[in-house]
Amino acid sequence: MKKLSLPVLIFLALSISCKEKKGKSQETVLGDEGYKGKTYAEISIKEGGQWKGRKYVGDNFTFKNVAYLKAPDSLTDHSYYVRYEGPGWESNKVGYRLYFDWRNAIDIFGKKVDTMVLSKVGVDNYDSYHEDAAWGQDILKAGKSLGIGSYGRYDGKQNVTHFQEVDSTTAQIHNTSDGSGVTLNYYGWSALDNKIDLQTQLMIAPDSRMTKARLTPSKAIGGLVTGIVKFEEIELFKNESAIGPWKYIATYGEQTLVPDKLGMAIFYQEDQVVKITDSEFDHLIVFKPTTEPITYYFTAAWEKEKDGIKNRTDFISYLNNELSLLNK
């Protein structure tokens, strides 16, 4: 048999890849068995049923990955339409998901493996991902909070408004060689007597626990915040003395559903922030009013992660190393 040259082999590989993408979205291809990348993002919806009020019901469901989704008007919490309730993104270190409904909190998938797992999470049509599995599990109890790194409007007292009133919401999935994530557009978001559009991009890179968040509001409004869920007896600590524009807030301790040890942090740029404060359910970072993009990072480190961080001292060392890299 004649041996094919390297250029011919490359051409054939590219041709096969293009043919595959014509038949199904990139996100479905990346979710296939044998995917060896270090990041992955998806949003997956049910087919084979119908809406009954606020719930998607029926028998013999199948799931379909889509590259783009506009939230149905009927969608709310526990509608059982979107697999694990929203878009998910992961690296070989950690996974995250955002509730694609009024809650809009960001949750954490703790991973015991360094392979991609999201394409297999929740496919049993049940929230068994809350239970311990070989790959890991959902580990954060977000409750009424922002979870980690999500965003809302703070009234300056104790309350944060999520996305109870929004005209429409869309999600666009991204999978590239540099990383994976999701772009969300919120059209007509009403909160605290203001109505704006907000675009959010959430991206994670290979070999990283850090999600890069970029918020772009259509109007300069006060009270736009991000934050970390509060737990009793878990101390908030900060690094506000680092040389450079980037600082962080963080928590560490038994703050998972298991429970076991988890570290969470948000890195922010000091010149974009009004203050650090608390609401009823969150430790908050309050941003200055602007129509320019607001950029921050959030990260989570679970003690059961493969070759992971096991204690508070090592978590702080990890944070300070990441802070140094940001401030270079």
Protein backbone atom coordinates (compact mmCIF):
# COMPACT_ATOMS: atom_id res chain seq x y z
CA MET A 1 0.00 0.00 0.00
CA LYS A 2 1.27 3.45 -0.90
CA LYS A 3 2.28 5.50 2.16
CA LEU A 4 0.55 8.90 2.38
CA SER A 5 2.65 12.00 2.84
CA LEU A 6 2.20 14.26 5.89
CA PRO A 7 0.50 17.10 3.92
CA VAL A 8 -2.02 14.63 2.47
CA LEU A 9 -2.78 13.22 5.92
CA ILE A 10 -3.35 16.72 7.29
CA PHE A 11 -5.66 17.56 4.38
CA LEU A 12 -7.69 14.37 4.94
CA ALA A 13 -8.00 15.08 8.67
CA LEU A 14 -9.24 18.61 8.03
CA SER A 15 -11.71 17.38 5.42
CA ILE A 16 -13.16 14.78 7.82
CA SER A 17 -13.43 17.40 10.57
CA CYS A 18 -15.32 19.79 8.27
CA LYS A 19 -17.73 17.03 7.20
CA GLU A 20 -18.44 16.18 10.84
CA LYS A 21 -19.17 19.79 11.72
CA LYS A 22 -21.64 20.11 8.87
CA GLY A 23 -23.69 17.30 10.38
CA LYS A 24 -23.65 18.46 13.99
CA SER A 25 -22.54 21.38 16.10
CA GLN A 26 -19.00 21.70 17.36
CA GLU A 27 -20.22 21.23 20.89
CA THR A 28 -21.72 17.81 20.07
CA VAL A 29 -18.46 16.72 18.44
CA LEU A 30 -16.50 17.75 21.52
CA GLY A 31 -18.85 15.78 23.75
CA ASP A 32 -18.22 12.53 21.87
CA GLU A 33 -16.37 9.59 23.41
CA GLY A 34 -12.63 9.89 23.00
CA TYR A 35 -12.45 13.69 23.23
CA LYS A 36 -8.99 14.50 24.61
CA GLY A 37 -9.11 18.29 25.02
CA LYS A 38 -8.43 20.09 28.30
CA THR A 39 -11.48 22.37 28.20
CA TYR A 40 -15.09 21.89 27.15
CA ALA A 41 -18.37 23.82 27.24
CA GLU A 42 -21.92 22.85 26.35
CA ILE A 43 -25.61 23.52 26.76
CA SER A 44 -27.96 20.59 26.27
CA ILE A 45 -31.75 20.56 25.92
CA LYS A 46 -34.42 17.89 26.00
CA GLU A 47 -36.33 16.67 22.96
CA GLY A 48 -39.30 14.34 22.80
CA GLY A 49 -41.57 16.07 25.29
CA GLN A 50 -43.69 19.19 25.59
CA TRP A 51 -44.18 22.17 27.88
CA LYS A 52 -46.88 21.87 30.50
CA GLY A 53 -46.98 25.18 32.29
CA ARG A 54 -43.49 25.81 33.61
CA LYS A 55 -42.24 22.22 33.26
CA TYR A 56 -41.07 20.19 30.28
CA VAL A 57 -42.78 16.81 30.54
CA GLY A 58 -43.16 13.56 28.61
CA ASP A 59 -41.60 10.14 28.09
CA ASN A 60 -38.60 8.87 26.11
CA PHE A 61 -36.55 12.03 26.31
CA THR A 62 -33.36 12.54 24.39
CA PHE A 63 -30.80 15.28 24.95
CA LYS A 64 -29.43 17.49 22.18
CA ASN A 65 -26.39 19.73 22.48
CA VAL A 66 -26.86 23.11 20.82
CA ALA A 67 -24.39 25.88 20.11
CA TYR A 68 -26.97 28.61 20.82
CA LEU A 69 -30.09 28.76 22.96
CA LYS A 70 -32.69 31.42 23.66
CA ALA A 71 -34.39 30.68 26.97
CA PRO A 72 -38.02 29.64 26.41
CA ASP A 73 -40.56 31.97 28.02
CA SER A 74 -41.71 29.09 30.24
CA LEU A 75 -38.23 28.35 31.60
CA THR A 76 -37.76 28.75 35.34
CA ASP A 77 -35.99 26.86 38.12
CA HIS A 78 -36.59 23.11 37.98
CA SER A 79 -38.30 23.17 34.57
CA TYR A 80 -36.34 20.02 33.65
CA TYR A 81 -35.67 21.26 30.11
CA VAL A 82 -31.95 22.09 30.13
CA ARG A 83 -29.59 19.34 31.27
CA TYR A 84 -28.14 20.23 34.69
CA GLU A 85 -30.19 23.47 34.44
CA GLY A 86 -27.90 25.56 32.26
CA PRO A 87 -24.65 25.93 30.35
CA GLY A 88 -21.56 24.22 31.76
CA TRP A 89 -17.86 24.75 31.17
CA GLU A 90 -14.84 22.89 32.49
CA SER A 91 -11.09 22.47 32.38
CA ASN A 92 -9.07 19.44 33.36
CA LYS A 93 -9.14 20.86 36.93
CA VAL A 94 -12.73 21.92 37.69
CA GLY A 95 -16.19 22.44 36.20
CA TYR A 96 -18.82 25.16 36.55
CA ARG A 97 -22.45 25.61 35.56
CA LEU A 98 -24.77 28.61 35.45
CA TYR A 99 -28.48 28.30 36.24
CA PHE A 100 -30.15 29.43 33.00
CA ASP A 101 -33.17 30.91 34.78
CA TRP A 102 -33.99 33.73 37.20
CA ARG A 103 -31.54 32.43 39.82
CA ASN A 104 -28.51 32.90 37.54
CA ALA A 105 -26.16 31.53 40.23
CA ILE A 106 -22.90 29.79 39.28
CA ASP A 107 -22.31 26.35 40.80
CA ILE A 108 -19.20 24.15 41.00
CA PHE A 109 -18.59 20.62 39.74
CA GLY A 110 -15.71 19.22 41.78
CA LYS A 111 -13.66 16.80 39.66
CA LYS A 112 -11.59 13.79 40.78
CA VAL A 113 -10.33 13.21 37.22
CA ASP A 114 -8.44 15.31 34.68
CA THR A 115 -10.62 14.37 31.71
CA MET A 116 -13.76 16.07 30.40
CA VAL A 117 -16.92 14.92 32.18
CA LEU A 118 -19.77 17.36 31.49
CA SER A 119 -21.09 15.56 28.42
CA LYS A 120 -22.01 12.64 30.71
CA VAL A 121 -23.44 14.65 33.64
CA GLY A 122 -27.20 14.54 34.11
CA VAL A 123 -27.89 12.29 31.11
CA ASP A 124 -29.96 9.98 33.33
CA ASN A 125 -32.64 12.71 33.43
CA TYR A 126 -32.03 13.12 37.14
CA ASP A 127 -29.89 15.29 39.41
CA SER A 128 -27.70 12.37 40.47
CA TYR A 129 -24.69 14.66 39.95
CA HIS A 130 -25.33 15.76 43.55
CA GLU A 131 -24.15 12.29 44.59
CA ASP A 132 -20.54 11.13 44.80
CA ALA A 133 -19.35 9.50 41.56
CA ALA A 134 -16.05 8.33 40.08
CA TRP A 135 -15.68 11.64 38.21
CA GLY A 136 -16.68 13.86 41.16
CA GLN A 137 -19.94 15.69 41.91
CA ASP A 138 -21.79 18.98 42.26
CA ILE A 139 -20.27 20.35 45.46
CA LEU A 140 -21.61 23.86 46.12
CA LYS A 141 -24.90 24.72 47.84
CA ALA A 142 -25.67 28.05 46.19
CA GLY A 143 -29.13 28.49 47.74
CA LYS A 144 -30.32 32.08 47.28
CA SER A 145 -26.79 33.41 46.71
CA LEU A 146 -24.81 34.25 43.58
CA GLY A 147 -22.85 31.02 44.09
CA ILE A 148 -19.36 31.86 42.91
CA GLY A 149 -18.66 34.68 40.49
CA SER A 150 -22.19 35.33 39.26
CA TYR A 151 -23.65 38.84 39.16
CA GLY A 152 -26.67 40.85 40.19
CA ARG A 153 -27.82 44.27 41.48
CA TYR A 154 -27.17 45.26 45.09
CA ASP A 155 -29.55 47.64 46.84
CA GLY A 156 -26.86 48.98 49.18
CA LYS A 157 -28.38 47.25 52.22
CA GLN A 158 -28.91 43.47 52.36
CA ASN A 159 -30.49 42.41 49.10
CA VAL A 160 -29.17 41.34 45.69
CA THR A 161 -31.63 41.18 42.79
CA HIS A 162 -31.00 38.31 40.37
CA PHE A 163 -32.82 37.96 37.03
CA GLN A 164 -36.45 37.76 38.10
CA GLU A 165 -37.39 40.30 35.40
CA VAL A 166 -35.72 40.01 32.00
CA ASP A 167 -37.22 40.24 28.51
CA SER A 168 -35.06 37.46 27.08
CA THR A 169 -31.82 35.59 27.70
CA THR A 170 -29.52 33.82 25.23
CA ALA A 171 -26.47 31.59 25.54
CA GLN A 172 -23.77 30.97 22.91
CA ILE A 173 -21.24 28.18 23.48
CA HIS A 174 -17.52 28.52 22.62
CA ASN A 175 -14.95 25.73 22.28
CA THR A 176 -11.52 26.74 20.96
CA SER A 177 -7.93 25.58 21.35
CA ASP A 178 -7.40 28.44 23.85
CA GLY A 179 -10.34 27.59 26.07
CA SER A 180 -14.07 27.05 26.42
CA GLY A 181 -17.02 28.94 27.80
CA VAL A 182 -20.27 30.74 27.16
CA THR A 183 -21.48 34.20 26.15
CA LEU A 184 -24.79 35.24 27.71
CA ASN A 185 -26.95 38.16 26.63
CA TYR A 186 -29.64 39.49 28.94
CA TYR A 187 -32.04 41.81 27.14
CA GLY A 188 -34.26 44.12 29.16
CA TRP A 189 -33.01 43.19 32.63
CA SER A 190 -35.08 45.13 35.19
CA ALA A 191 -33.67 45.57 38.68
CA LEU A 192 -33.91 48.40 41.22
CA ASP A 193 -35.79 50.76 38.89
CA ASN A 194 -33.30 50.36 36.04
CA LYS A 195 -33.68 48.42 32.81
CA ILE A 196 -30.53 47.52 30.90
CA ASP A 197 -29.00 44.97 28.57
CA LEU A 198 -26.05 43.01 29.90
CA GLN A 199 -23.57 40.83 28.02
CA THR A 200 -21.44 38.35 29.94
CA GLN A 201 -18.60 36.14 28.72
CA LEU A 202 -17.31 33.30 30.91
CA MET A 203 -14.22 31.44 29.68
CA ILE A 204 -11.82 28.86 31.14
CA ALA A 205 -8.35 27.94 29.84
CA PRO A 206 -6.57 24.56 29.83
CA ASP A 207 -4.80 23.57 33.07
CA SER A 208 -6.58 26.35 34.97
CA ARG A 209 -9.20 26.58 37.70
CA MET A 210 -9.84 30.23 36.80
CA THR A 211 -12.90 31.41 34.89
CA LYS A 212 -12.41 34.80 33.26
CA ALA A 213 -15.61 36.87 33.48
CA ARG A 214 -16.31 39.92 31.35
CA LEU A 215 -19.46 41.98 31.99
CA THR A 216 -20.58 44.71 29.57
CA PRO A 217 -23.63 46.71 30.68
CA SER A 218 -25.54 48.89 28.21
CA LYS A 219 -25.99 51.67 30.81
CA ALA A 220 -23.82 52.93 33.65
CA ILE A 221 -25.74 51.86 36.75
CA GLY A 222 -24.81 51.59 40.40
CA GLY A 223 -24.92 48.36 42.37
CA LEU A 224 -23.68 45.88 39.76
CA VAL A 225 -21.95 43.17 41.82
CA THR A 226 -20.30 39.80 41.82
CA GLY A 227 -19.72 37.66 44.89
CA ILE A 228 -19.12 34.44 46.81
CA VAL A 229 -21.78 32.60 48.80
CA LYS A 230 -21.56 33.17 52.58
CA PHE A 231 -21.46 30.32 55.08
CA GLU A 232 -21.54 30.55 58.86
CA GLU A 233 -18.15 30.20 60.54
CA ILE A 234 -16.31 30.52 57.19
CA GLU A 235 -14.06 33.57 57.26
CA LEU A 236 -13.67 35.93 54.32
CA PHE A 237 -10.04 36.87 53.76
CA LYS A 238 -8.48 39.31 51.31
CA ASN A 239 -5.28 40.40 49.66
CA GLU A 240 -5.65 44.15 49.23
CA SER A 241 -1.96 44.98 49.66
CA ALA A 242 -0.53 43.35 46.52
CA ILE A 243 1.51 45.64 44.29
CA GLY A 244 -0.50 46.06 41.13
CA PRO A 245 -4.11 46.58 40.06
CA TRP A 246 -5.38 43.10 40.92
CA LYS A 247 -6.61 42.05 44.39
CA TYR A 248 -8.75 39.18 45.66
CA ILE A 249 -11.33 38.07 48.20
CA ALA A 250 -11.52 34.40 49.21
CA THR A 251 -12.98 31.80 51.55
CA TYR A 252 -11.71 28.37 52.60
CA GLY A 253 -13.15 25.58 54.72
CA GLU A 254 -15.92 23.01 54.92
CA GLN A 255 -18.36 24.73 52.59
CA THR A 256 -19.54 21.95 50.28
CA LEU A 257 -22.54 19.63 50.18
CA VAL A 258 -20.34 16.68 51.25
CA PRO A 259 -19.03 18.43 53.47
CA ASP A 260 -15.32 18.73 52.83
CA LYS A 261 -12.81 21.48 52.17
CA LEU A 262 -13.23 23.94 49.33
CA GLY A 263 -11.49 27.20 48.51
CA MET A 264 -13.22 29.93 46.49
CA ALA A 265 -11.89 33.29 45.35
CA ILE A 266 -12.59 36.24 43.07
CA PHE A 267 -9.80 38.36 41.58
CA TYR A 268 -10.82 41.94 40.76
CA GLN A 269 -9.24 45.14 39.48
CA GLU A 270 -9.20 47.76 42.22
CA ASP A 271 -9.92 50.71 39.91
CA GLN A 272 -13.21 49.08 38.78
CA VAL A 273 -14.56 48.61 42.32
CA VAL A 274 -16.46 50.84 44.74
CA LYS A 275 -16.18 48.60 47.81
CA ILE A 276 -16.18 45.11 49.30
CA THR A 277 -19.24 44.41 51.45
CA ASP A 278 -21.76 41.74 52.49
CA SER A 279 -25.40 41.11 51.65
CA GLU A 280 -27.65 38.57 53.31
CA PHE A 281 -26.30 35.62 51.33
CA ASP A 282 -23.05 36.80 49.71
CA HIS A 283 -19.67 38.41 50.15
CA LEU A 284 -19.86 41.12 47.49
CA ILE A 285 -17.62 43.12 45.18
CA VAL A 286 -19.50 46.28 44.13
CA PHE A 287 -18.46 47.70 40.76
CA LYS A 288 -18.37 51.34 39.70
CA PRO A 289 -21.04 52.47 37.22
CA THR A 290 -19.71 52.08 33.67
CA THR A 291 -20.53 50.98 30.15
CA GLU A 292 -16.97 49.73 29.65
CA PRO A 293 -16.25 45.99 30.11
CA ILE A 294 -15.70 44.88 33.71
CA THR A 295 -13.22 41.98 33.94
CA TYR A 296 -12.63 39.66 36.88
CA TYR A 297 -11.71 36.01 37.54
CA PHE A 298 -13.16 33.43 39.89
CA THR A 299 -11.68 30.12 40.98
CA ALA A 300 -12.48 27.05 43.07
CA ALA A 301 -10.15 24.41 44.52
CA TRP A 302 -11.66 21.21 45.99
CA GLU A 303 -9.61 18.98 48.28
CA LYS A 304 -10.63 15.83 46.32
CA GLU A 305 -9.46 17.24 43.01
CA LYS A 306 -6.80 15.08 41.34
CA ASP A 307 -3.41 16.25 42.68
CA GLY A 308 -5.37 19.08 44.27
CA ILE A 309 -5.01 21.62 47.06
CA LYS A 310 -5.60 20.04 50.48
CA ASN A 311 -5.40 22.88 53.00
CA ARG A 312 -5.81 26.61 53.56
CA THR A 313 -2.08 27.37 53.52
CA ASP A 314 -1.61 25.79 50.10
CA PHE A 315 -4.76 27.51 48.84
CA ILE A 316 -3.41 30.91 49.84
CA SER A 317 -0.11 30.09 48.14
CA TYR A 318 -2.04 29.19 44.98
CA LEU A 319 -4.00 32.45 45.13
CA ASN A 320 -0.91 34.57 45.66
CA ASN A 321 0.81 32.89 42.73
CA GLU A 322 -2.16 33.61 40.47
CA LEU A 323 -2.26 37.18 41.79
CA SER A 324 1.42 37.66 40.91
CA LEU A 325 0.77 36.44 37.38
CA LEU A 326 -2.15 38.86 36.96
CA ASN A 327 -0.09 41.77 38.28
CA LYS A 328 2.92 41.14 36.03
